Amino acid sequence: MEDNLDVWAKVLVEKLLDMLVQNPKNEKVINSVKNYIAEEQKRFQTSKFYFNKHTWAKVEPNWNVKVGLTDYALIKLKGLAKIHIDNVGDIVRRIEPFGVAETWMYIFDLYSPIAGTLVAANSDVLDNTYKIDPDTWLIEVKPVNFNALIIELEALMDENQYNEYASKIENRITNLPTGA
């Protein structure tokens, strides 16, 4: 996301607090804050956030986060045979595996883009891997807390950034030197 988001947010909050202190009944400021919060909530709950380990996170209306595999991961996981995940109730740690995907040739760790408690698994697709597509969630995680969730989401990539990242990886793979 934006590198200067923290600075911008701090300046905005300080400005709004100053305005409220000067006139605590200023409906214009109060409405501006409400609108800003509603826009940010909409942004967080309509966007997918992408992790460099080829998973995505999407915030649900209850602020739990669904996690799935990116299109790039699914293309590379040809012959996906089975997915094994941790148990519901287990703690999921950011940047650590929450399970594995098995193909006919190898096993691939599935990494969580956020931390929290695993509250649900999409058993329909876990038992039928042919149903998995880039919009299919695998697990649902209840974040540690709201502030941690926002920080973790801001550290992830948006769709354009992820596509650029995956493209660079693909270029490195296809341009490997051949043996002489």
Protein backbone atom coordinates (compact mmCIF):
# COMPACT_ATOMS: atom_id res chain seq x y z
CA MET A 1 0.00 0.00 0.00
CA GLU A 2 1.15 3.57 0.37
CA ASP A 3 4.52 4.10 2.07
CA ASN A 4 3.48 7.41 3.61
CA LEU A 5 0.13 6.16 4.90
CA ASP A 6 1.20 6.33 8.56
CA VAL A 7 2.36 9.94 8.24
CA TRP A 8 -0.76 10.92 6.30
CA ALA A 9 -3.06 9.23 8.84
CA LYS A 10 -1.28 10.89 11.76
CA VAL A 11 -1.56 14.35 10.19
CA LEU A 12 -5.22 13.75 9.34
CA VAL A 13 -6.08 12.56 12.85
CA GLU A 14 -4.22 15.50 14.46
CA LYS A 15 -6.03 17.97 12.17
CA LEU A 16 -9.42 16.43 12.89
CA LEU A 17 -8.77 16.37 16.64
CA ASP A 18 -7.74 20.04 16.58
CA MET A 19 -10.93 20.91 14.71
CA LEU A 20 -13.05 18.94 17.19
CA VAL A 21 -11.34 20.52 20.21
CA GLN A 22 -12.00 23.99 18.81
CA ASN A 23 -15.63 23.19 18.10
CA PRO A 24 -16.78 19.83 19.53
CA LYS A 25 -20.24 20.15 17.95
CA ASN A 26 -18.91 20.75 14.45
CA GLU A 27 -21.13 18.41 12.45
CA LYS A 28 -19.09 18.97 9.29
CA VAL A 29 -15.98 17.53 10.93
CA ILE A 30 -17.90 14.69 12.55
CA ASN A 31 -19.52 13.80 9.21
CA SER A 32 -16.13 13.98 7.49
CA VAL A 33 -14.70 11.52 10.00
CA LYS A 34 -17.70 9.20 9.60
CA ASN A 35 -17.40 9.35 5.79
CA TYR A 36 -13.66 8.68 5.94
CA ILE A 37 -14.19 5.66 8.21
CA ALA A 38 -16.96 4.33 5.96
CA GLU A 39 -14.75 4.71 2.85
CA GLU A 40 -11.82 2.95 4.54
CA GLN A 41 -14.09 0.16 5.75
CA LYS A 42 -15.47 -0.24 2.21
CA ARG A 43 -11.93 -0.33 0.78
CA PHE A 44 -10.80 -2.97 3.26
CA GLN A 45 -13.91 -5.06 2.72
CA THR A 46 -14.00 -4.97 -1.08
CA SER A 47 -10.34 -5.49 -1.91
CA LYS A 48 -8.16 -8.55 -1.99
CA PHE A 49 -4.73 -8.16 -0.46
CA TYR A 50 -1.97 -10.33 -1.92
CA PHE A 51 0.94 -12.04 -0.18
CA ASN A 52 4.24 -12.87 -1.91
CA LYS A 53 3.75 -16.54 -1.01
CA HIS A 54 0.84 -16.66 -3.51
CA THR A 55 -2.12 -16.41 -1.18
CA TRP A 56 -4.64 -13.61 -0.86
CA ALA A 57 -6.66 -12.18 2.02
CA LYS A 58 -10.15 -10.70 1.83
CA VAL A 59 -11.83 -9.01 4.79
CA GLU A 60 -15.43 -10.08 5.45
CA PRO A 61 -18.14 -7.80 6.93
CA ASN A 62 -17.53 -9.34 10.39
CA TRP A 63 -13.81 -8.44 10.00
CA ASN A 64 -12.75 -12.07 9.75
CA VAL A 65 -10.44 -12.74 6.82
CA LYS A 66 -10.84 -15.37 4.15
CA VAL A 67 -7.61 -16.69 2.59
CA GLY A 68 -7.25 -18.32 -0.81
CA LEU A 69 -4.75 -19.19 -3.53
CA THR A 70 -3.80 -16.74 -6.26
CA ASP A 71 -4.27 -17.46 -9.94
CA TYR A 72 -0.49 -17.73 -10.29
CA ALA A 73 -0.32 -20.40 -7.56
CA LEU A 74 -3.13 -22.39 -9.15
CA ILE A 75 -1.42 -22.32 -12.54
CA LYS A 76 1.81 -23.60 -10.96
CA LEU A 77 -0.04 -26.24 -8.93
CA LYS A 78 -1.15 -28.24 -11.95
CA GLY A 79 -2.45 -31.61 -10.88
CA LEU A 80 -3.58 -30.35 -7.46
CA ALA A 81 -4.57 -33.54 -5.67
CA LYS A 82 -5.20 -32.64 -2.03
CA ILE A 83 -5.02 -29.75 0.40
CA HIS A 84 -4.32 -30.33 4.09
CA ILE A 85 -4.85 -27.46 6.53
CA ASP A 86 -4.45 -26.90 10.24
CA ASN A 87 -7.42 -27.59 12.51
CA VAL A 88 -10.20 -25.12 13.21
CA GLY A 89 -9.31 -23.42 16.49
CA ASP A 90 -5.56 -23.48 15.81
CA ILE A 91 -3.51 -20.30 15.89
CA VAL A 92 -2.42 -19.11 12.45
CA ARG A 93 0.75 -17.04 12.31
CA ARG A 94 1.51 -14.48 9.64
CA ILE A 95 4.15 -15.63 7.15
CA GLU A 96 3.95 -19.21 8.43
CA PRO A 97 2.28 -22.24 6.83
CA PHE A 98 -1.32 -23.04 7.71
CA GLY A 99 -1.30 -26.15 5.54
CA VAL A 100 0.05 -27.83 2.42
CA ALA A 101 -1.11 -28.42 -1.13
CA GLU A 102 -0.20 -31.74 -2.74
CA THR A 103 0.21 -32.23 -6.45
CA TRP A 104 1.16 -35.44 -8.16
CA MET A 105 4.78 -34.26 -8.16
CA TYR A 106 5.44 -32.21 -5.02
CA ILE A 107 4.13 -30.59 -1.82
CA PHE A 108 3.73 -26.82 -1.54
CA ASP A 109 3.39 -24.97 1.81
CA LEU A 110 0.39 -22.63 2.12
CA TYR A 111 1.34 -19.43 3.94
CA SER A 112 -1.00 -17.15 5.85
CA PRO A 113 -0.92 -13.43 5.05
CA ILE A 114 -2.38 -12.58 8.48
CA ALA A 115 -2.29 -13.84 12.05
CA GLY A 116 -5.22 -15.03 14.13
CA THR A 117 -7.33 -18.05 14.91
CA LEU A 118 -8.50 -20.42 12.20
CA VAL A 119 -12.29 -20.30 12.57
CA ALA A 120 -13.46 -22.09 9.41
CA ALA A 121 -12.26 -24.28 6.57
CA ASN A 122 -13.92 -24.54 3.18
CA SER A 123 -14.35 -28.32 3.35
CA ASP A 124 -16.25 -28.39 0.05
CA VAL A 125 -13.15 -27.40 -1.92
CA LEU A 126 -10.63 -29.06 0.38
CA ASP A 127 -12.25 -32.39 -0.45
CA ASN A 128 -12.75 -31.48 -4.13
CA THR A 129 -9.67 -29.60 -5.28
CA TYR A 130 -10.96 -29.35 -8.85
CA LYS A 131 -13.44 -26.72 -7.56
CA ILE A 132 -10.67 -24.34 -6.47
CA ASP A 133 -10.30 -21.17 -8.51
CA PRO A 134 -8.70 -17.77 -7.77
CA ASP A 135 -11.88 -16.59 -5.98
CA THR A 136 -12.26 -19.66 -3.76
CA TRP A 137 -11.38 -19.26 -0.10
CA LEU A 138 -9.64 -22.07 1.76
CA ILE A 139 -9.70 -20.87 5.35
CA GLU A 140 -11.27 -18.12 7.43
CA VAL A 141 -9.18 -16.46 10.12
CA LYS A 142 -10.31 -14.32 13.04
CA PRO A 143 -7.59 -11.65 13.36
CA VAL A 144 -5.66 -11.14 16.58
CA ASN A 145 -7.18 -7.66 16.81
CA PHE A 146 -8.34 -4.87 14.53
CA ASN A 147 -5.15 -2.80 14.74
CA ALA A 148 -2.94 -5.80 13.95
CA LEU A 149 -5.18 -6.66 10.99
CA ILE A 150 -4.89 -3.17 9.48
CA ILE A 151 -1.10 -3.21 9.86
CA GLU A 152 -0.87 -6.68 8.29
CA LEU A 153 -3.12 -5.71 5.37
CA GLU A 154 -1.14 -2.54 4.68
CA ALA A 155 2.02 -4.69 4.39
CA LEU A 156 0.44 -6.77 1.60
CA MET A 157 0.23 -6.00 -2.12
CA ASP A 158 -2.75 -4.85 -4.13
CA GLU A 159 -3.69 -6.76 -7.28
CA ASN A 160 -1.50 -4.70 -9.64
CA GLN A 161 1.54 -4.99 -7.37
CA TYR A 162 1.05 -8.74 -7.04
CA ASN A 163 0.64 -9.25 -10.78
CA GLU A 164 3.89 -7.34 -11.36
CA TYR A 165 5.60 -9.46 -8.70
CA ALA A 166 4.33 -12.73 -10.23
CA SER A 167 5.39 -11.55 -13.68
CA LYS A 168 8.94 -10.94 -12.43
CA ILE A 169 9.04 -14.43 -10.91
CA GLU A 170 7.78 -15.96 -14.14
CA ASN A 171 10.43 -14.07 -16.15
CA ARG A 172 13.15 -15.40 -13.84
CA ILE A 173 11.83 -18.94 -14.23
CA THR A 174 11.59 -18.80 -18.01
CA ASN A 175 15.00 -17.10 -18.37
CA LEU A 176 17.01 -19.61 -16.36
CA PRO A 177 20.42 -20.30 -17.93
CA THR A 178 20.67 -23.62 -19.70
CA GLY A 179 23.53 -26.02 -19.14
CA ALA A 180 26.31 -26.05 -21.73
